[in-house]
Amino acid sequence: MKAKQQALARSYRAALHRHVRGTPPAPLASARKLGQQAVKLGLETLDLARMHEEALKTLILDVDTQHRRDRLTGHAGIFFAEALTPIEETHRRALEASVHLKGIIETLASVGAAIDQMADVKPAAWLDNELHWMQHAPSRSLL
């Protein structure tokens, strides 16, 4: 697993370098693909942030002015945000699934409580009550 994570870090660094330098292929699709690979490896936001930080350090070493450093950091931040998207999507889906599951559990608890209440009613007592109601209720016409 560690070897795959290190390979991903190397790929991330190379793609980030291409992105900030505008070297083809520079589109953000490569960032998203790297994020998807991170998800497959079970990496979390903090893992990707550390990977990004290490890659960014290697980039900043070559920059001579603060203006260029700021610009590079901005471009790198956009790349990081795109790479992070697949991880954040898994978090959102997990939260949605958790909310849905909570609703199912609450519904099952309500059904269980209703079944418990029904089990407490004696069938004979219920039948006696129905017969009493039918005998004393005013007759109704079908029309």
N, C-alpha and C. Protein backbone atom coordinates (compact mmCIF):
# COMPACT_ATOMS: atom_id res chain seq x y z
N MET A 1 0.84 -1.20 0.00
CA MET A 1 0.00 0.00 0.00
C MET A 1 0.88 1.26 0.00
N LYS A 2 1.92 1.22 0.77
CA LYS A 2 2.81 2.37 0.86
C LYS A 2 3.43 2.69 -0.50
N ALA A 3 3.79 1.65 -1.25
CA ALA A 3 4.39 1.84 -2.57
C ALA A 3 3.40 2.53 -3.52
N LYS A 4 2.12 2.13 -3.44
CA LYS A 4 1.11 2.77 -4.29
C LYS A 4 0.91 4.22 -3.90
N GLN A 5 0.94 4.50 -2.60
CA GLN A 5 0.79 5.88 -2.13
C GLN A 5 1.98 6.73 -2.58
N GLN A 6 3.17 6.18 -2.54
CA GLN A 6 4.36 6.90 -3.00
C GLN A 6 4.31 7.14 -4.50
N ALA A 7 3.82 6.17 -5.25
CA ALA A 7 3.67 6.34 -6.70
C ALA A 7 2.66 7.43 -7.00
N LEU A 8 1.57 7.46 -6.22
CA LEU A 8 0.57 8.51 -6.39
C LEU A 8 1.18 9.87 -6.08
N ALA A 9 2.00 9.96 -5.04
CA ALA A 9 2.65 11.23 -4.68
C ALA A 9 3.55 11.71 -5.81
N ARG A 10 4.27 10.80 -6.43
CA ARG A 10 5.13 11.18 -7.58
C ARG A 10 4.28 11.67 -8.75
N SER A 11 3.19 10.96 -9.03
CA SER A 11 2.30 11.37 -10.12
C SER A 11 1.67 12.72 -9.81
N TYR A 12 1.29 12.92 -8.57
CA TYR A 12 0.68 14.19 -8.15
C TYR A 12 1.67 15.33 -8.36
N ARG A 13 2.90 15.12 -7.90
CA ARG A 13 3.93 16.16 -8.03
C ARG A 13 4.16 16.51 -9.50
N ALA A 14 4.27 15.50 -10.35
CA ALA A 14 4.50 15.74 -11.78
C ALA A 14 3.31 16.48 -12.41
N ALA A 15 2.10 16.05 -12.09
CA ALA A 15 0.90 16.70 -12.65
C ALA A 15 0.77 18.13 -12.14
N LEU A 16 1.08 18.35 -10.87
CA LEU A 16 1.02 19.72 -10.32
C LEU A 16 2.04 20.61 -11.01
N HIS A 17 3.25 20.10 -11.21
CA HIS A 17 4.28 20.87 -11.92
C HIS A 17 3.81 21.24 -13.33
N ARG A 18 3.24 20.26 -14.03
CA ARG A 18 2.73 20.54 -15.39
C ARG A 18 1.63 21.60 -15.34
N HIS A 19 0.76 21.48 -14.35
CA HIS A 19 -0.37 22.41 -14.26
C HIS A 19 0.09 23.85 -14.02
N VAL A 20 0.95 24.05 -13.06
CA VAL A 20 1.35 25.44 -12.74
C VAL A 20 2.25 26.04 -13.81
N ARG A 21 2.90 25.20 -14.57
CA ARG A 21 3.76 25.70 -15.65
C ARG A 21 3.01 25.78 -16.97
N GLY A 22 1.77 25.26 -16.98
CA GLY A 22 0.98 25.30 -18.21
C GLY A 22 1.46 24.32 -19.26
N THR A 23 2.20 23.32 -18.85
CA THR A 23 2.71 22.31 -19.77
C THR A 23 1.61 21.30 -20.07
N PRO A 24 1.37 21.00 -21.34
CA PRO A 24 0.33 20.01 -21.67
C PRO A 24 0.69 18.64 -21.09
N PRO A 25 -0.22 17.84 -20.64
CA PRO A 25 -1.63 18.19 -20.48
C PRO A 25 -1.85 18.90 -19.14
N ALA A 26 -2.26 20.16 -19.20
CA ALA A 26 -2.44 20.98 -18.01
C ALA A 26 -3.87 21.04 -17.49
N PRO A 27 -4.87 20.54 -18.20
CA PRO A 27 -6.24 20.66 -17.69
C PRO A 27 -6.40 20.02 -16.31
N LEU A 28 -7.42 20.45 -15.63
CA LEU A 28 -7.65 19.97 -14.27
C LEU A 28 -8.17 18.54 -14.21
N ALA A 29 -8.46 17.95 -15.34
CA ALA A 29 -8.93 16.56 -15.33
C ALA A 29 -7.90 15.64 -14.70
N SER A 30 -6.63 15.96 -14.87
CA SER A 30 -5.59 15.12 -14.26
C SER A 30 -5.65 15.21 -12.74
N ALA A 31 -5.99 16.38 -12.22
CA ALA A 31 -6.12 16.54 -10.77
C ALA A 31 -7.26 15.68 -10.23
N ARG A 32 -8.38 15.71 -10.93
CA ARG A 32 -9.54 14.91 -10.50
C ARG A 32 -9.20 13.42 -10.56
N LYS A 33 -8.51 13.02 -11.61
CA LYS A 33 -8.13 11.61 -11.74
C LYS A 33 -7.23 11.19 -10.58
N LEU A 34 -6.31 12.05 -10.20
CA LEU A 34 -5.43 11.75 -9.07
C LEU A 34 -6.24 11.65 -7.77
N GLY A 35 -7.24 12.50 -7.63
CA GLY A 35 -8.12 12.44 -6.47
C GLY A 35 -8.89 11.13 -6.43
N GLN A 36 -9.33 10.66 -7.59
CA GLN A 36 -10.03 9.37 -7.65
C GLN A 36 -9.11 8.22 -7.27
N GLN A 37 -7.86 8.32 -7.69
CA GLN A 37 -6.88 7.30 -7.30
C GLN A 37 -6.66 7.33 -5.79
N ALA A 38 -6.63 8.53 -5.22
CA ALA A 38 -6.47 8.67 -3.77
C ALA A 38 -7.63 7.99 -3.03
N VAL A 39 -8.84 8.16 -3.55
CA VAL A 39 -10.02 7.52 -2.95
C VAL A 39 -9.85 6.01 -3.00
N LYS A 40 -9.43 5.48 -4.13
CA LYS A 40 -9.24 4.03 -4.29
C LYS A 40 -8.21 3.49 -3.30
N LEU A 41 -7.22 4.32 -2.96
CA LEU A 41 -6.20 3.90 -2.01
C LEU A 41 -6.65 4.10 -0.56
N GLY A 42 -7.82 4.70 -0.38
CA GLY A 42 -8.34 4.93 0.97
C GLY A 42 -7.76 6.15 1.64
N LEU A 43 -7.21 7.06 0.85
CA LEU A 43 -6.62 8.28 1.42
C LEU A 43 -7.72 9.27 1.78
N GLU A 44 -7.44 10.08 2.76
CA GLU A 44 -8.37 11.10 3.22
C GLU A 44 -7.84 12.48 2.88
N THR A 45 -8.61 13.48 3.22
CA THR A 45 -8.27 14.87 2.92
C THR A 45 -6.88 15.24 3.42
N LEU A 46 -6.59 14.90 4.65
CA LEU A 46 -5.30 15.26 5.24
C LEU A 46 -4.15 14.58 4.51
N ASP A 47 -4.34 13.34 4.08
CA ASP A 47 -3.30 12.64 3.32
C ASP A 47 -2.99 13.38 2.02
N LEU A 48 -4.04 13.79 1.33
CA LEU A 48 -3.85 14.51 0.07
C LEU A 48 -3.24 15.89 0.33
N ALA A 49 -3.61 16.52 1.42
CA ALA A 49 -3.05 17.83 1.77
C ALA A 49 -1.54 17.72 2.01
N ARG A 50 -1.14 16.66 2.69
CA ARG A 50 0.31 16.46 2.92
C ARG A 50 1.04 16.23 1.60
N MET A 51 0.42 15.44 0.73
CA MET A 51 1.00 15.17 -0.58
C MET A 51 1.15 16.48 -1.37
N HIS A 52 0.12 17.30 -1.30
CA HIS A 52 0.14 18.59 -2.01
C HIS A 52 1.23 19.50 -1.43
N GLU A 53 1.31 19.53 -0.12
CA GLU A 53 2.32 20.38 0.53
C GLU A 53 3.74 20.00 0.09
N GLU A 54 4.00 18.70 0.07
CA GLU A 54 5.34 18.24 -0.36
C GLU A 54 5.61 18.61 -1.82
N ALA A 55 4.62 18.44 -2.66
CA ALA A 55 4.79 18.79 -4.08
C ALA A 55 4.98 20.29 -4.25
N LEU A 56 4.25 21.06 -3.47
CA LEU A 56 4.34 22.53 -3.56
C LEU A 56 5.70 23.02 -3.09
N LYS A 57 6.27 22.39 -2.07
CA LYS A 57 7.60 22.78 -1.59
C LYS A 57 8.63 22.68 -2.70
N THR A 58 8.54 21.60 -3.49
CA THR A 58 9.52 21.43 -4.57
C THR A 58 9.33 22.49 -5.66
N LEU A 59 8.11 22.96 -5.82
CA LEU A 59 7.85 24.00 -6.83
C LEU A 59 8.38 25.36 -6.38
N ILE A 60 8.16 25.69 -5.14
CA ILE A 60 8.50 27.02 -4.63
C ILE A 60 10.01 27.23 -4.59
N LEU A 61 10.77 26.16 -4.46
CA LEU A 61 12.23 26.29 -4.42
C LEU A 61 12.79 26.97 -5.67
N ASP A 62 12.11 26.78 -6.79
CA ASP A 62 12.59 27.32 -8.06
C ASP A 62 12.13 28.75 -8.34
N VAL A 63 11.29 29.32 -7.48
CA VAL A 63 10.69 30.63 -7.74
C VAL A 63 11.48 31.71 -7.03
N ASP A 64 11.79 32.79 -7.77
CA ASP A 64 12.67 33.81 -7.22
C ASP A 64 11.96 35.04 -6.63
N THR A 65 10.72 35.33 -7.03
CA THR A 65 10.04 36.53 -6.50
C THR A 65 8.77 36.14 -5.74
N GLN A 66 8.39 37.02 -4.82
CA GLN A 66 7.18 36.77 -4.04
C GLN A 66 5.94 36.78 -4.94
N HIS A 67 5.91 37.68 -5.90
CA HIS A 67 4.78 37.77 -6.83
C HIS A 67 4.59 36.42 -7.56
N ARG A 68 5.67 35.88 -8.07
CA ARG A 68 5.58 34.60 -8.79
C ARG A 68 5.21 33.45 -7.84
N ARG A 69 5.72 33.54 -6.61
CA ARG A 69 5.37 32.52 -5.60
C ARG A 69 3.88 32.55 -5.30
N ASP A 70 3.33 33.77 -5.15
CA ASP A 70 1.90 33.91 -4.88
C ASP A 70 1.06 33.38 -6.03
N ARG A 71 1.47 33.70 -7.22
CA ARG A 71 0.75 33.24 -8.41
C ARG A 71 0.79 31.71 -8.51
N LEU A 72 1.96 31.14 -8.30
CA LEU A 72 2.14 29.70 -8.35
C LEU A 72 1.28 29.03 -7.27
N THR A 73 1.28 29.59 -6.08
CA THR A 73 0.50 29.02 -4.99
C THR A 73 -1.00 29.06 -5.31
N GLY A 74 -1.45 30.12 -5.94
CA GLY A 74 -2.85 30.22 -6.35
C GLY A 74 -3.23 29.14 -7.35
N HIS A 75 -2.39 28.96 -8.36
CA HIS A 75 -2.64 27.91 -9.36
C HIS A 75 -2.60 26.53 -8.73
N ALA A 76 -1.66 26.34 -7.82
CA ALA A 76 -1.55 25.05 -7.13
C ALA A 76 -2.78 24.80 -6.26
N GLY A 77 -3.31 25.84 -5.65
CA GLY A 77 -4.52 25.71 -4.82
C GLY A 77 -5.72 25.26 -5.64
N ILE A 78 -5.82 25.78 -6.85
CA ILE A 78 -6.91 25.36 -7.74
C ILE A 78 -6.76 23.87 -8.08
N PHE A 79 -5.55 23.46 -8.35
CA PHE A 79 -5.27 22.06 -8.65
C PHE A 79 -5.64 21.18 -7.46
N PHE A 80 -5.23 21.60 -6.27
CA PHE A 80 -5.52 20.85 -5.05
C PHE A 80 -7.03 20.72 -4.82
N ALA A 81 -7.75 21.82 -5.01
CA ALA A 81 -9.20 21.79 -4.82
C ALA A 81 -9.85 20.79 -5.76
N GLU A 82 -9.37 20.73 -6.98
CA GLU A 82 -9.93 19.78 -7.95
C GLU A 82 -9.56 18.34 -7.57
N ALA A 83 -8.35 18.13 -7.11
CA ALA A 83 -7.93 16.79 -6.70
C ALA A 83 -8.70 16.33 -5.46
N LEU A 84 -9.07 17.26 -4.64
CA LEU A 84 -9.78 16.96 -3.39
C LEU A 84 -11.25 16.61 -3.63
N THR A 85 -11.80 17.05 -4.73
CA THR A 85 -13.23 16.87 -5.01
C THR A 85 -13.70 15.42 -4.88
N PRO A 86 -13.03 14.43 -5.46
CA PRO A 86 -13.52 13.04 -5.30
C PRO A 86 -13.57 12.58 -3.84
N ILE A 87 -12.62 13.01 -3.04
CA ILE A 87 -12.62 12.63 -1.62
C ILE A 87 -13.81 13.28 -0.92
N GLU A 88 -14.04 14.56 -1.19
CA GLU A 88 -15.16 15.25 -0.57
C GLU A 88 -16.50 14.67 -1.03
N GLU A 89 -16.57 14.23 -2.27
CA GLU A 89 -17.80 13.61 -2.76
C GLU A 89 -18.12 12.32 -2.00
N THR A 90 -17.08 11.55 -1.67
CA THR A 90 -17.32 10.33 -0.91
C THR A 90 -17.82 10.68 0.49
N HIS A 91 -17.32 11.76 1.06
CA HIS A 91 -17.79 12.19 2.38
C HIS A 91 -19.26 12.60 2.31
N ARG A 92 -19.62 13.34 1.26
CA ARG A 92 -21.01 13.80 1.11
C ARG A 92 -21.95 12.60 0.94
N ARG A 93 -21.54 11.65 0.09
CA ARG A 93 -22.38 10.46 -0.10
C ARG A 93 -22.51 9.66 1.19
N ALA A 94 -21.45 9.58 1.95
CA ALA A 94 -21.52 8.85 3.23
C ALA A 94 -22.46 9.55 4.19
N LEU A 95 -22.42 10.88 4.21
CA LEU A 95 -23.32 11.64 5.09
C LEU A 95 -24.77 11.45 4.65
N GLU A 96 -25.02 11.52 3.35
CA GLU A 96 -26.38 11.32 2.84
C GLU A 96 -26.88 9.92 3.18
N ALA A 97 -26.02 8.92 3.03
CA ALA A 97 -26.40 7.55 3.35
C ALA A 97 -26.69 7.41 4.84
N SER A 98 -25.92 8.10 5.66
CA SER A 98 -26.13 8.05 7.10
C SER A 98 -27.47 8.66 7.48
N VAL A 99 -27.81 9.78 6.86
CA VAL A 99 -29.10 10.42 7.13
C VAL A 99 -30.24 9.51 6.69
N HIS A 100 -30.09 8.90 5.52
CA HIS A 100 -31.11 7.98 5.01
C HIS A 100 -31.28 6.78 5.95
N LEU A 101 -30.15 6.22 6.38
CA LEU A 101 -30.19 5.08 7.29
C LEU A 101 -30.85 5.46 8.61
N LYS A 102 -30.57 6.65 9.09
CA LYS A 102 -31.19 7.11 10.34
C LYS A 102 -32.71 7.16 10.18
N GLY A 103 -33.18 7.64 9.04
CA GLY A 103 -34.62 7.68 8.76
C GLY A 103 -35.23 6.29 8.74
N ILE A 104 -34.53 5.35 8.13
CA ILE A 104 -35.02 3.97 8.09
C ILE A 104 -35.10 3.39 9.50
N ILE A 105 -34.07 3.64 10.29
CA ILE A 105 -34.05 3.13 11.67
C ILE A 105 -35.21 3.72 12.48
N GLU A 106 -35.46 5.02 12.31
CA GLU A 106 -36.58 5.66 13.02
C GLU A 106 -37.92 5.06 12.59
N THR A 107 -38.08 4.82 11.29
CA THR A 107 -39.31 4.22 10.79
C THR A 107 -39.49 2.82 11.35
N LEU A 108 -38.43 2.04 11.34
CA LEU A 108 -38.52 0.69 11.88
C LEU A 108 -38.84 0.70 13.38
N ALA A 109 -38.29 1.68 14.09
CA ALA A 109 -38.59 1.78 15.51
C ALA A 109 -40.07 2.10 15.72
N SER A 110 -40.63 2.99 14.88
CA SER A 110 -42.06 3.32 14.98
C SER A 110 -42.93 2.11 14.66
N VAL A 111 -42.57 1.39 13.62
CA VAL A 111 -43.33 0.18 13.25
C VAL A 111 -43.23 -0.84 14.37
N GLY A 112 -42.04 -0.99 14.93
CA GLY A 112 -41.86 -1.92 16.04
C GLY A 112 -42.72 -1.55 17.24
N ALA A 113 -42.79 -0.25 17.54
CA ALA A 113 -43.62 0.21 18.65
C ALA A 113 -45.10 -0.07 18.37
N ALA A 114 -45.52 0.15 17.13
CA ALA A 114 -46.92 -0.11 16.77
C ALA A 114 -47.23 -1.60 16.89
N ILE A 115 -46.31 -2.43 16.47
CA ILE A 115 -46.51 -3.88 16.58
C ILE A 115 -46.59 -4.29 18.04
N ASP A 116 -45.73 -3.68 18.87
CA ASP A 116 -45.78 -3.98 20.30
C ASP A 116 -47.13 -3.60 20.90
N GLN A 117 -47.66 -2.45 20.49
CA GLN A 117 -48.97 -2.02 21.00
C GLN A 117 -50.07 -2.98 20.53
N MET A 118 -49.97 -3.42 19.29
CA MET A 118 -50.97 -4.35 18.77
C MET A 118 -50.90 -5.69 19.50
N ALA A 119 -49.72 -6.09 19.89
CA ALA A 119 -49.55 -7.36 20.58
C ALA A 119 -50.16 -7.31 21.98
N ASP A 120 -50.24 -6.10 22.54
CA ASP A 120 -50.81 -5.94 23.88
C ASP A 120 -52.34 -6.06 23.87
N VAL A 121 -52.98 -5.86 22.72
CA VAL A 121 -54.43 -5.93 22.62
C VAL A 121 -54.83 -7.40 22.51
N LYS A 122 -55.72 -7.83 23.34
CA LYS A 122 -56.20 -9.20 23.31
C LYS A 122 -57.20 -9.36 22.18
N PRO A 123 -57.03 -10.33 21.30
CA PRO A 123 -57.95 -10.51 20.18
C PRO A 123 -59.40 -10.66 20.62
N ALA A 124 -59.65 -11.40 21.67
CA ALA A 124 -61.03 -11.60 22.13
C ALA A 124 -61.63 -10.28 22.59
N ALA A 125 -60.85 -9.47 23.29
CA ALA A 125 -61.35 -8.18 23.76
C ALA A 125 -61.65 -7.27 22.58
N TRP A 126 -60.81 -7.33 21.58
CA TRP A 126 -61.02 -6.50 20.39
C TRP A 126 -62.31 -6.93 19.68
N LEU A 127 -62.51 -8.24 19.56
CA LEU A 127 -63.69 -8.76 18.89
C LEU A 127 -64.95 -8.40 19.68
N ASP A 128 -64.91 -8.52 21.01
CA ASP A 128 -66.05 -8.12 21.86
C ASP A 128 -66.39 -6.66 21.64
N ASN A 129 -65.38 -5.82 21.55
CA ASN A 129 -65.58 -4.39 21.34
C ASN A 129 -66.24 -4.13 19.99
N GLU A 130 -65.80 -4.82 18.95
CA GLU A 130 -66.39 -4.65 17.62
C GLU A 130 -67.85 -5.11 17.59
N LEU A 131 -68.11 -6.25 18.21
CA LEU A 131 -69.49 -6.75 18.26
C LEU A 131 -70.40 -5.78 19.02
N HIS A 132 -69.90 -5.24 20.09
CA HIS A 132 -70.68 -4.28 20.89
C HIS A 132 -71.00 -3.04 20.04
N TRP A 133 -69.99 -2.57 19.31
CA TRP A 133 -70.18 -1.38 18.48
C TRP A 133 -71.22 -1.65 17.39
N MET A 134 -71.15 -2.82 16.76
CA MET A 134 -72.07 -3.16 15.69
C MET A 134 -73.51 -3.31 16.21
N GLN A 135 -73.65 -3.81 17.43
CA GLN A 135 -74.99 -4.00 18.00
C GLN A 135 -75.62 -2.67 18.40
N HIS A 136 -74.81 -1.71 18.83
CA HIS A 136 -75.36 -0.46 19.35
C HIS A 136 -75.24 0.71 18.38
N ALA A 137 -74.65 0.50 17.28
CA ALA A 137 -74.51 1.59 16.31
C ALA A 137 -75.83 1.74 15.54
N PRO A 138 -76.19 2.99 15.20
CA PRO A 138 -77.40 3.16 14.40
C PRO A 138 -77.23 2.45 13.06
N SER A 139 -78.30 1.87 12.59
CA SER A 139 -78.20 1.17 11.31
C SER A 139 -77.98 2.20 10.21
N ARG A 140 -77.23 1.79 9.23
CA ARG A 140 -76.90 2.68 8.11
C ARG A 140 -77.40 2.06 6.84
N SER A 141 -77.89 2.90 5.99
CA SER A 141 -78.32 2.38 4.69
C SER A 141 -77.11 2.34 3.77
N LEU A 142 -77.15 1.48 2.82
CA LEU A 142 -76.03 1.37 1.87
C LEU A 142 -76.03 2.51 0.85
N LEU A 143 -77.09 3.20 0.70
CA LEU A 143 -77.15 4.32 -0.25
C LEU A 143 -77.04 5.62 0.43
